[in-house]
């Protein structure tokens, strides 16, 4: 459905992605993790077609996004762009809207790729979908509020709502929970888990919270310096050795009653191993 094959990308002469190959599966919840600046957001933008790899290709439903020497995409046909906009939904970083809109108006923008007649405007089905998502996110009471009056966390939920309203097959979330407290972060991850399991949506979430990734993701990909270093299930990937290699820290990794790993960073100077120190898996 969507795959990257040997994708490399550079800003000017600075290599950001180096030979990344990755295939997404329907109904999979994939966590994309790694240190700041490791290329996670840039990779999502290559998947979306916002950026074009200078080497390798992104394949979406049979159509290729490949670059040339001028950095221009070879799949610029309007039909391909429309197909991507309908089926790929995106929550970007720094997503606070600049326009003065109500919450309902902003979320309706997610229906733009589905509009058959721009002159006729939104239809009944579009408005019903927005109301459905407002209820699902628990923000129906703020539907008429101006988005400029919302807190950062409230705005983030509205932008996630716009993504859900789009009804894409693939949801690409770039740190979508970063502005949310623990309760709302879990709420969003639970919702995405249901989308993956119940509706066969493919979820790709850039995350920094290792424990959220462990609890909700089927597969975790770890990047460092633009290269894909590890991928596998949370139990396979979240080990003390791997985390030290990727993040340069010592961490205690234990498992809960369901066998899910959870990570406890160690403070500097507390690396001594005694009877009171938990084992590192």
C-alpha atoms as a PDB file:
ATOM      1  CA  UNK A   1       0.000   0.000   0.000  1.00  0.00           C
ATOM      2  CA  UNK A   2       2.822   2.408   0.911  1.00  0.00           C
ATOM      3  CA  UNK A   3       6.516   1.648   0.965  1.00  0.00           C
ATOM      4  CA  UNK A   4       9.916   3.298   0.858  1.00  0.00           C
ATOM      5  CA  UNK A   5      12.682   1.630  -1.109  1.00  0.00           C
ATOM      6  CA  UNK A   6      16.211   2.828  -0.467  1.00  0.00           C
ATOM      7  CA  UNK A   7      15.076   6.382   0.241  1.00  0.00           C
ATOM      8  CA  UNK A   8      17.789   8.998   0.745  1.00  0.00           C
ATOM      9  CA  UNK A   9      17.151  12.713   1.182  1.00  0.00           C
ATOM     10  CA  UNK A  10      19.317  15.780   1.786  1.00  0.00           C
ATOM     11  CA  UNK A  11      18.735  19.443   2.565  1.00  0.00           C
ATOM     12  CA  UNK A  12      21.323  21.180   0.387  1.00  0.00           C
ATOM     13  CA  UNK A  13      24.372  18.992   1.071  1.00  0.00           C
ATOM     14  CA  UNK A  14      23.284  17.797   4.502  1.00  0.00           C
ATOM     15  CA  UNK A  15      22.231  14.141   4.303  1.00  0.00           C
ATOM     16  CA  UNK A  16      19.131  13.614   6.462  1.00  0.00           C
ATOM     17  CA  UNK A  17      17.898  10.190   5.312  1.00  0.00           C
ATOM     18  CA  UNK A  18      20.283   7.470   4.199  1.00  0.00           C
ATOM     19  CA  UNK A  19      18.999   4.415   2.312  1.00  0.00           C
ATOM     20  CA  UNK A  20      15.790   3.704   4.241  1.00  0.00           C
ATOM     21  CA  UNK A  21      13.526   0.854   3.172  1.00  0.00           C
ATOM     22  CA  UNK A  22      10.237   0.285   4.957  1.00  0.00           C
ATOM     23  CA  UNK A  23       6.826  -1.171   4.058  1.00  0.00           C
ATOM     24  CA  UNK A  24       3.576  -0.346   5.841  1.00  0.00           C
ATOM     25  CA  UNK A  25       0.895  -2.950   6.407  1.00  0.00           C
ATOM     26  CA  UNK A  26      -2.883  -2.429   6.583  1.00  0.00           C
ATOM     27  CA  UNK A  27      -4.094  -2.345  10.175  1.00  0.00           C
ATOM     28  CA  UNK A  28      -0.598  -1.843  11.595  1.00  0.00           C
ATOM     29  CA  UNK A  29       0.256   0.682  14.307  1.00  0.00           C
ATOM     30  CA  UNK A  30       3.883   1.610  13.687  1.00  0.00           C
ATOM     31  CA  UNK A  31       5.902   3.754  16.086  1.00  0.00           C
ATOM     32  CA  UNK A  32       8.663   5.871  14.565  1.00  0.00           C
ATOM     33  CA  UNK A  33      11.252   6.821  17.192  1.00  0.00           C
ATOM     34  CA  UNK A  34      14.746   8.183  17.512  1.00  0.00           C
ATOM     35  CA  UNK A  35      16.740  11.161  18.818  1.00  0.00           C
ATOM     36  CA  UNK A  36      15.908  14.718  17.785  1.00  0.00           C
ATOM     37  CA  UNK A  37      17.220  15.427  14.308  1.00  0.00           C
ATOM     38  CA  UNK A  38      17.388  11.775  13.278  1.00  0.00           C
ATOM     39  CA  UNK A  39      15.144  12.308  10.225  1.00  0.00           C
ATOM     40  CA  UNK A  40      11.739  11.116  11.467  1.00  0.00           C
ATOM     41  CA  UNK A  41       9.680  14.097  10.293  1.00  0.00           C
ATOM     42  CA  UNK A  42      11.574  14.298   6.999  1.00  0.00           C
ATOM     43  CA  UNK A  43      10.781  10.656   6.325  1.00  0.00           C
ATOM     44  CA  UNK A  44       7.054  11.250   6.875  1.00  0.00           C
ATOM     45  CA  UNK A  45       7.167  14.156   4.411  1.00  0.00           C
ATOM     46  CA  UNK A  46       8.787  11.893   1.827  1.00  0.00           C
ATOM     47  CA  UNK A  47       6.007   9.338   2.341  1.00  0.00           C
ATOM     48  CA  UNK A  48       3.422  12.076   1.858  1.00  0.00           C
ATOM     49  CA  UNK A  49       5.053  13.381  -1.308  1.00  0.00           C
ATOM     50  CA  UNK A  50       5.756  16.790   0.250  1.00  0.00           C
ATOM     51  CA  UNK A  51       9.446  16.055  -0.298  1.00  0.00           C
ATOM     52  CA  UNK A  52      11.105  13.963  -2.993  1.00  0.00           C
ATOM     53  CA  UNK A  53      14.035  11.599  -2.364  1.00  0.00           C
ATOM     54  CA  UNK A  54      17.156  12.210  -4.414  1.00  0.00           C
ATOM     55  CA  UNK A  55      17.778   8.473  -4.387  1.00  0.00           C
ATOM     56  CA  UNK A  56      15.345   5.587  -4.001  1.00  0.00           C
ATOM     57  CA  UNK A  57      11.583   5.800  -4.300  1.00  0.00           C
ATOM     58  CA  UNK A  58       8.302   5.912  -2.400  1.00  0.00           C
ATOM     59  CA  UNK A  59       5.593   3.685  -3.851  1.00  0.00           C
ATOM     60  CA  UNK A  60       1.949   4.415  -3.069  1.00  0.00           C
ATOM     61  CA  UNK A  61      -0.758   2.217  -4.644  1.00  0.00           C
ATOM     62  CA  UNK A  62       1.498   1.544  -7.623  1.00  0.00           C
ATOM     63  CA  UNK A  63       2.496   5.182  -8.235  1.00  0.00           C
ATOM     64  CA  UNK A  64       6.126   6.128  -7.637  1.00  0.00           C
ATOM     65  CA  UNK A  65       7.511   9.272  -6.043  1.00  0.00           C
ATOM     66  CA  UNK A  66      11.085   9.475  -7.293  1.00  0.00           C
ATOM     67  CA  UNK A  67      13.425  12.387  -7.689  1.00  0.00           C
ATOM     68  CA  UNK A  68      15.764  13.636 -10.364  1.00  0.00           C
ATOM     69  CA  UNK A  69      18.814  15.857 -10.339  1.00  0.00           C
ATOM     70  CA  UNK A  70      16.660  18.951  -9.874  1.00  0.00           C
ATOM     71  CA  UNK A  71      14.837  17.448  -6.886  1.00  0.00           C
ATOM     72  CA  UNK A  72      11.504  17.460  -8.711  1.00  0.00           C
ATOM     73  CA  UNK A  73       9.006  14.641  -8.368  1.00  0.00           C
ATOM     74  CA  UNK A  74       8.241  12.451 -11.354  1.00  0.00           C
ATOM     75  CA  UNK A  75       4.671  11.690 -10.218  1.00  0.00           C
ATOM     76  CA  UNK A  76       3.230  15.197 -10.418  1.00  0.00           C
ATOM     77  CA  UNK A  77      -0.032  14.188 -12.071  1.00  0.00           C
ATOM     78  CA  UNK A  78      -3.088  15.774 -10.476  1.00  0.00           C
ATOM     79  CA  UNK A  79      -4.811  12.401 -10.199  1.00  0.00           C
ATOM     80  CA  UNK A  80      -1.991  10.976  -8.080  1.00  0.00           C
ATOM     81  CA  UNK A  81      -1.971  14.039  -5.831  1.00  0.00           C
ATOM     82  CA  UNK A  82      -5.738  13.796  -5.335  1.00  0.00           C
ATOM     83  CA  UNK A  83      -5.493  10.105  -4.495  1.00  0.00           C
ATOM     84  CA  UNK A  84      -2.809  10.796  -1.904  1.00  0.00           C
ATOM     85  CA  UNK A  85      -4.798  13.629  -0.337  1.00  0.00           C
ATOM     86  CA  UNK A  86      -7.813  11.364   0.079  1.00  0.00           C
ATOM     87  CA  UNK A  87      -6.024   8.345   1.457  1.00  0.00           C
ATOM     88  CA  UNK A  88      -3.130   9.850   3.449  1.00  0.00           C
ATOM     89  CA  UNK A  89      -4.057  12.007   6.443  1.00  0.00           C
ATOM     90  CA  UNK A  90      -1.375  13.980   8.288  1.00  0.00           C
ATOM     91  CA  UNK A  91      -0.980  15.642  11.671  1.00  0.00           C
ATOM     92  CA  UNK A  92       2.120  17.885  11.461  1.00  0.00           C
ATOM     93  CA  UNK A  93       4.335  19.287  14.174  1.00  0.00           C
ATOM     94  CA  UNK A  94       3.716  22.895  15.195  1.00  0.00           C
ATOM     95  CA  UNK A  95       0.181  22.617  13.928  1.00  0.00           C
ATOM     96  CA  UNK A  96      -1.371  25.670  15.563  1.00  0.00           C
ATOM     97  CA  UNK A  97      -3.640  27.222  12.877  1.00  0.00           C
ATOM     98  CA  UNK A  98      -2.901  30.737  11.670  1.00  0.00           C
ATOM     99  CA  UNK A  99      -6.439  31.456  10.450  1.00  0.00           C
ATOM    100  CA  UNK A 100      -9.271  32.634  12.687  1.00  0.00           C
ATOM    101  CA  UNK A 101     -11.759  29.761  12.378  1.00  0.00           C
ATOM    102  CA  UNK A 102     -14.133  27.947  14.664  1.00  0.00           C
ATOM    103  CA  UNK A 103     -13.270  24.422  15.717  1.00  0.00           C
ATOM    104  CA  UNK A 104     -16.019  23.042  13.466  1.00  0.00           C
ATOM    105  CA  UNK A 105     -14.793  25.066  10.476  1.00  0.00           C
ATOM    106  CA  UNK A 106     -11.214  23.907  10.933  1.00  0.00           C
ATOM    107  CA  UNK A 107     -12.240  20.267  11.159  1.00  0.00           C
ATOM    108  CA  UNK A 108     -14.425  20.589   8.057  1.00  0.00           C
ATOM    109  CA  UNK A 109     -11.252  21.389   6.120  1.00  0.00           C
ATOM    110  CA  UNK A 110     -10.381  17.716   6.464  1.00  0.00           C
ATOM    111  CA  UNK A 111     -13.236  16.968   4.046  1.00  0.00           C
ATOM    112  CA  UNK A 112     -11.755  19.048   1.195  1.00  0.00           C
ATOM    113  CA  UNK A 113     -10.213  16.054  -0.645  1.00  0.00           C
ATOM    114  CA  UNK A 114     -13.658  14.415  -0.793  1.00  0.00           C
ATOM    115  CA  UNK A 115     -15.551  17.382  -2.212  1.00  0.00           C
ATOM    116  CA  UNK A 116     -16.826  16.656  -5.722  1.00  0.00           C
ATOM    117  CA  UNK A 117     -18.103  20.173  -6.302  1.00  0.00           C
ATOM    118  CA  UNK A 118     -16.151  23.001  -4.657  1.00  0.00           C
ATOM    119  CA  UNK A 119     -18.873  25.452  -5.679  1.00  0.00           C
ATOM    120  CA  UNK A 120     -21.572  23.539  -3.784  1.00  0.00           C
ATOM    121  CA  UNK A 121     -19.502  23.427  -0.589  1.00  0.00           C
ATOM    122  CA  UNK A 122     -19.700  20.811   2.121  1.00  0.00           C
ATOM    123  CA  UNK A 123     -22.526  18.306   2.078  1.00  0.00           C
ATOM    124  CA  UNK A 124     -24.574  16.548   4.736  1.00  0.00           C
ATOM    125  CA  UNK A 125     -22.160  13.604   4.951  1.00  0.00           C
ATOM    126  CA  UNK A 126     -19.229  15.975   5.529  1.00  0.00           C
ATOM    127  CA  UNK A 127     -20.966  17.745   8.401  1.00  0.00           C
ATOM    128  CA  UNK A 128     -22.139  14.476   9.956  1.00  0.00           C
ATOM    129  CA  UNK A 129     -18.571  13.154   9.909  1.00  0.00           C
ATOM    130  CA  UNK A 130     -17.339  16.253  11.726  1.00  0.00           C
ATOM    131  CA  UNK A 131     -20.011  15.856  14.423  1.00  0.00           C
ATOM    132  CA  UNK A 132     -19.077  12.192  14.825  1.00  0.00           C
ATOM    133  CA  UNK A 133     -15.402  13.029  15.371  1.00  0.00           C
ATOM    134  CA  UNK A 134     -16.201  15.928  17.714  1.00  0.00           C
ATOM    135  CA  UNK A 135     -18.101  13.480  19.925  1.00  0.00           C
ATOM    136  CA  UNK A 136     -15.421  10.802  19.690  1.00  0.00           C
ATOM    137  CA  UNK A 137     -12.736  13.253  20.855  1.00  0.00           C
ATOM    138  CA  UNK A 138     -14.946  14.725  23.587  1.00  0.00           C
ATOM    139  CA  UNK A 139     -14.699  18.267  22.192  1.00  0.00           C
ATOM    140  CA  UNK A 140     -18.256  18.811  20.928  1.00  0.00           C
ATOM    141  CA  UNK A 141     -18.747  21.521  23.557  1.00  0.00           C
ATOM    142  CA  UNK A 142     -16.054  23.679  21.946  1.00  0.00           C
ATOM    143  CA  UNK A 143     -17.285  23.341  18.339  1.00  0.00           C
ATOM    144  CA  UNK A 144     -18.133  27.058  18.047  1.00  0.00           C
ATOM    145  CA  UNK A 145     -15.035  28.353  19.806  1.00  0.00           C
ATOM    146  CA  UNK A 146     -12.417  30.235  17.838  1.00  0.00           C
ATOM    147  CA  UNK A 147      -9.331  28.050  17.482  1.00  0.00           C
ATOM    148  CA  UNK A 148      -7.150  31.033  18.380  1.00  0.00           C
ATOM    149  CA  UNK A 149      -8.654  30.942  21.888  1.00  0.00           C
ATOM    150  CA  UNK A 150      -7.697  27.325  22.557  1.00  0.00           C
ATOM    151  CA  UNK A 151      -4.801  26.058  24.619  1.00  0.00           C
ATOM    152  CA  UNK A 152      -1.994  24.166  22.896  1.00  0.00           C
ATOM    153  CA  UNK A 153      -3.380  20.813  24.012  1.00  0.00           C
ATOM    154  CA  UNK A 154      -6.915  21.679  22.921  1.00  0.00           C
ATOM    155  CA  UNK A 155      -5.653  22.826  19.531  1.00  0.00           C
ATOM    156  CA  UNK A 156      -3.740  19.593  19.102  1.00  0.00           C
ATOM    157  CA  UNK A 157      -6.899  17.551  19.640  1.00  0.00           C
ATOM    158  CA  UNK A 158      -8.733  19.655  17.051  1.00  0.00           C
ATOM    159  CA  UNK A 159      -5.955  19.119  14.485  1.00  0.00           C
ATOM    160  CA  UNK A 160      -6.068  15.389  15.190  1.00  0.00           C
ATOM    161  CA  UNK A 161      -9.827  15.638  14.660  1.00  0.00           C
ATOM    162  CA  UNK A 162      -9.273  17.237  11.238  1.00  0.00           C
ATOM    163  CA  UNK A 163      -7.044  14.290  10.369  1.00  0.00           C
ATOM    164  CA  UNK A 164      -9.724  11.777  11.415  1.00  0.00           C
ATOM    165  CA  UNK A 165     -12.427  13.642   9.499  1.00  0.00           C
ATOM    166  CA  UNK A 166     -10.390  13.113   6.338  1.00  0.00           C
ATOM    167  CA  UNK A 167     -10.992   9.323   6.624  1.00  0.00           C
ATOM    168  CA  UNK A 168      -7.651   8.360   5.108  1.00  0.00           C
ATOM    169  CA  UNK A 169      -6.490   4.760   4.954  1.00  0.00           C
ATOM    170  CA  UNK A 170      -3.114   5.813   6.350  1.00  0.00           C
ATOM    171  CA  UNK A 171      -2.716   8.264   9.246  1.00  0.00           C
ATOM    172  CA  UNK A 172       0.702   9.875   9.643  1.00  0.00           C
ATOM    173  CA  UNK A 173       1.100  11.532  13.041  1.00  0.00           C
ATOM    174  CA  UNK A 174       4.154  13.700  13.677  1.00  0.00           C
ATOM    175  CA  UNK A 175       4.401  13.987  17.468  1.00  0.00           C
ATOM    176  CA  UNK A 176       0.618  14.248  17.689  1.00  0.00           C
ATOM    177  CA  UNK A 177       0.609  13.680  21.464  1.00  0.00           C
ATOM    178  CA  UNK A 178       3.482  16.034  22.293  1.00  0.00           C
ATOM    179  CA  UNK A 179       1.229  18.864  23.498  1.00  0.00           C
ATOM    180  CA  UNK A 180      -1.148  16.648  25.454  1.00  0.00           C
ATOM    181  CA  UNK A 181      -1.157  15.649  29.106  1.00  0.00           C
ATOM    182  CA  UNK A 182      -0.903  11.958  30.024  1.00  0.00           C
ATOM    183  CA  UNK A 183      -4.658  11.409  30.142  1.00  0.00           C
ATOM    184  CA  UNK A 184      -5.282  12.888  26.701  1.00  0.00           C
ATOM    185  CA  UNK A 185      -2.182  11.226  25.234  1.00  0.00           C
ATOM    186  CA  UNK A 186      -3.532   7.844  26.296  1.00  0.00           C
ATOM    187  CA  UNK A 187      -6.974   8.783  24.972  1.00  0.00           C
ATOM    188  CA  UNK A 188      -5.539   9.557  21.511  1.00  0.00           C
ATOM    189  CA  UNK A 189      -3.399   6.419  21.471  1.00  0.00           C
ATOM    190  CA  UNK A 190      -6.414   4.302  22.456  1.00  0.00           C
ATOM    191  CA  UNK A 191      -8.402   5.866  19.633  1.00  0.00           C
ATOM    192  CA  UNK A 192      -5.640   5.171  17.117  1.00  0.00           C
ATOM    193  CA  UNK A 193      -5.326   1.609  18.374  1.00  0.00           C
ATOM    194  CA  UNK A 194      -9.042   1.104  17.698  1.00  0.00           C
ATOM    195  CA  UNK A 195      -8.682   2.632  14.240  1.00  0.00           C
ATOM    196  CA  UNK A 196      -5.920   0.158  13.432  1.00  0.00           C
ATOM    197  CA  UNK A 197      -7.580  -2.917  14.935  1.00  0.00           C
ATOM    198  CA  UNK A 198     -11.217  -2.197  14.077  1.00  0.00           C
ATOM    199  CA  UNK A 199     -10.992  -0.326  10.764  1.00  0.00           C
ATOM    200  CA  UNK A 200      -7.701  -1.672   9.363  1.00  0.00           C
ATOM    201  CA  UNK A 201      -6.246   1.855   9.297  1.00  0.00           C
ATOM    202  CA  UNK A 202      -2.488   2.054   9.044  1.00  0.00           C
ATOM    203  CA  UNK A 203      -1.085   4.350  11.734  1.00  0.00           C
ATOM    204  CA  UNK A 204       2.443   5.763  11.615  1.00  0.00           C
ATOM    205  CA  UNK A 205       3.210   7.796  14.727  1.00  0.00           C
ATOM    206  CA  UNK A 206       6.408   9.737  15.382  1.00  0.00           C
ATOM    207  CA  UNK A 207       6.808   9.513  19.144  1.00  0.00           C
ATOM    208  CA  UNK A 208       9.304  10.363  21.843  1.00  0.00           C
ATOM    209  CA  UNK A 209       7.526   8.523  24.653  1.00  0.00           C
ATOM    210  CA  UNK A 210       9.007   5.017  24.651  1.00  0.00           C
ATOM    211  CA  UNK A 211       6.404   3.685  27.063  1.00  0.00           C
ATOM    212  CA  UNK A 212       3.449   4.874  24.979  1.00  0.00           C
ATOM    213  CA  UNK A 213       5.076   3.273  21.944  1.00  0.00           C
ATOM    214  CA  UNK A 214       5.525   0.028  23.846  1.00  0.00           C
ATOM    215  CA  UNK A 215       1.911  -0.108  25.010  1.00  0.00           C
ATOM    216  CA  UNK A 216       0.218   0.705  21.692  1.00  0.00           C
ATOM    217  CA  UNK A 217       2.489  -0.003  18.728  1.00  0.00           C
ATOM    218  CA  UNK A 218       2.699  -3.304  16.868  1.00  0.00           C
ATOM    219  CA  UNK A 219       6.103  -2.451  15.471  1.00  0.00           C
ATOM    220  CA  UNK A 220       8.750   0.086  16.405  1.00  0.00           C
ATOM    221  CA  UNK A 221      11.311   1.614  14.049  1.00  0.00           C
ATOM    222  CA  UNK A 222      14.357   3.343  15.519  1.00  0.00           C
ATOM    223  CA  UNK A 223      16.326   5.907  13.515  1.00  0.00           C
ATOM    224  CA  UNK A 224      19.680   7.448  14.292  1.00  0.00           C
ATOM    225  CA  UNK A 225      21.624   9.885  12.102  1.00  0.00           C
ATOM    226  CA  UNK A 226      19.229   9.310   9.232  1.00  0.00           C
ATOM    227  CA  UNK A 227      19.614   5.548   9.133  1.00  0.00           C
ATOM    228  CA  UNK A 228      17.126   2.867  10.116  1.00  0.00           C
ATOM    229  CA  UNK A 229      18.966   1.069  12.895  1.00  0.00           C
ATOM    230  CA  UNK A 230      16.385  -1.261  14.418  1.00  0.00           C
ATOM    231  CA  UNK A 231      12.855  -2.444  13.759  1.00  0.00           C
ATOM    232  CA  UNK A 232      10.658  -5.061  15.387  1.00  0.00           C
ATOM    233  CA  UNK A 233       8.099  -5.560  18.135  1.00  0.00           C
ATOM    234  CA  UNK A 234       8.401  -3.494  21.339  1.00  0.00           C
ATOM    235  CA  UNK A 235       9.729  -6.549  23.191  1.00  0.00           C
ATOM    236  CA  UNK A 236      12.421  -7.056  20.568  1.00  0.00           C
ATOM    237  CA  UNK A 237      13.467  -3.429  20.260  1.00  0.00           C
ATOM    238  CA  UNK A 238      13.151  -1.886  23.720  1.00  0.00           C
ATOM    239  CA  UNK A 239      16.191  -3.307  25.472  1.00  0.00           C
ATOM    240  CA  UNK A 240      18.832  -1.617  27.560  1.00  0.00           C
ATOM    241  CA  UNK A 241      21.510  -2.285  24.950  1.00  0.00           C
ATOM    242  CA  UNK A 242      19.486  -0.859  22.071  1.00  0.00           C
ATOM    243  CA  UNK A 243      18.462   2.253  24.000  1.00  0.00           C
ATOM    244  CA  UNK A 244      22.041   2.937  25.008  1.00  0.00           C
ATOM    245  CA  UNK A 245      23.094   2.609  21.365  1.00  0.00           C
ATOM    246  CA  UNK A 246      20.348   4.917  20.071  1.00  0.00           C
ATOM    247  CA  UNK A 247      20.022   7.490  22.849  1.00  0.00           C
ATOM    248  CA  UNK A 248      23.335   7.149  24.675  1.00  0.00           C
ATOM    249  CA  UNK A 249      21.700   6.564  28.061  1.00  0.00           C
ATOM    250  CA  UNK A 250      21.535   3.765  30.578  1.00  0.00           C
ATOM    251  CA  UNK A 251      17.985   2.567  31.158  1.00  0.00           C
ATOM    252  CA  UNK A 252      16.287  -0.147  33.151  1.00  0.00           C
ATOM    253  CA  UNK A 253      13.797  -2.080  31.029  1.00  0.00           C
ATOM    254  CA  UNK A 254      11.244  -4.232  32.798  1.00  0.00           C
ATOM    255  CA  UNK A 255       8.046  -5.933  31.661  1.00  0.00           C
ATOM    256  CA  UNK A 256       4.520  -5.528  32.919  1.00  0.00           C
ATOM    257  CA  UNK A 257       2.028  -8.318  33.602  1.00  0.00           C
ATOM    258  CA  UNK A 258       1.172  -8.488  29.877  1.00  0.00           C
ATOM    259  CA  UNK A 259       4.790  -8.808  28.803  1.00  0.00           C
ATOM    260  CA  UNK A 260       5.024  -5.226  27.539  1.00  0.00           C
ATOM    261  CA  UNK A 261       8.384  -3.563  28.252  1.00  0.00           C
ATOM    262  CA  UNK A 262       8.551  -0.268  30.106  1.00  0.00           C
ATOM    263  CA  UNK A 263      11.579   1.977  30.338  1.00  0.00           C
ATOM    264  CA  UNK A 264      13.051   3.722  33.384  1.00  0.00           C
ATOM    265  CA  UNK A 265      15.980   6.047  32.612  1.00  0.00           C
ATOM    266  CA  UNK A 266      18.861   5.844  35.093  1.00  0.00           C
ATOM    267  CA  UNK A 267      20.254   9.005  36.633  1.00  0.00           C
ATOM    268  CA  UNK A 268      23.935   9.639  36.096  1.00  0.00           C
ATOM    269  CA  UNK A 269      25.948   8.049  38.884  1.00  0.00           C
ATOM    270  CA  UNK A 270      23.344   5.395  39.719  1.00  0.00           C
ATOM    271  CA  UNK A 271      24.614   2.676  37.394  1.00  0.00           C
ATOM    272  CA  UNK A 272      25.841   0.433  40.204  1.00  0.00           C
ATOM    273  CA  UNK A 273      24.196  -2.949  40.057  1.00  0.00           C
ATOM    274  CA  UNK A 274      23.249  -4.456  43.406  1.00  0.00           C
ATOM    275  CA  UNK A 275      20.534  -6.711  44.752  1.00  0.00           C
ATOM    276  CA  UNK A 276      18.157  -3.774  44.849  1.00  0.00           C
ATOM    277  CA  UNK A 277      18.709  -2.931  41.170  1.00  0.00           C
ATOM    278  CA  UNK A 278      16.160  -4.455  38.736  1.00  0.00           C
ATOM    279  CA  UNK A 279      17.457  -6.618  35.931  1.00  0.00           C
ATOM    280  CA  UNK A 280      17.911  -5.125  32.493  1.00  0.00           C
ATOM    281  CA  UNK A 281      16.176  -7.253  29.868  1.00  0.00           C
END
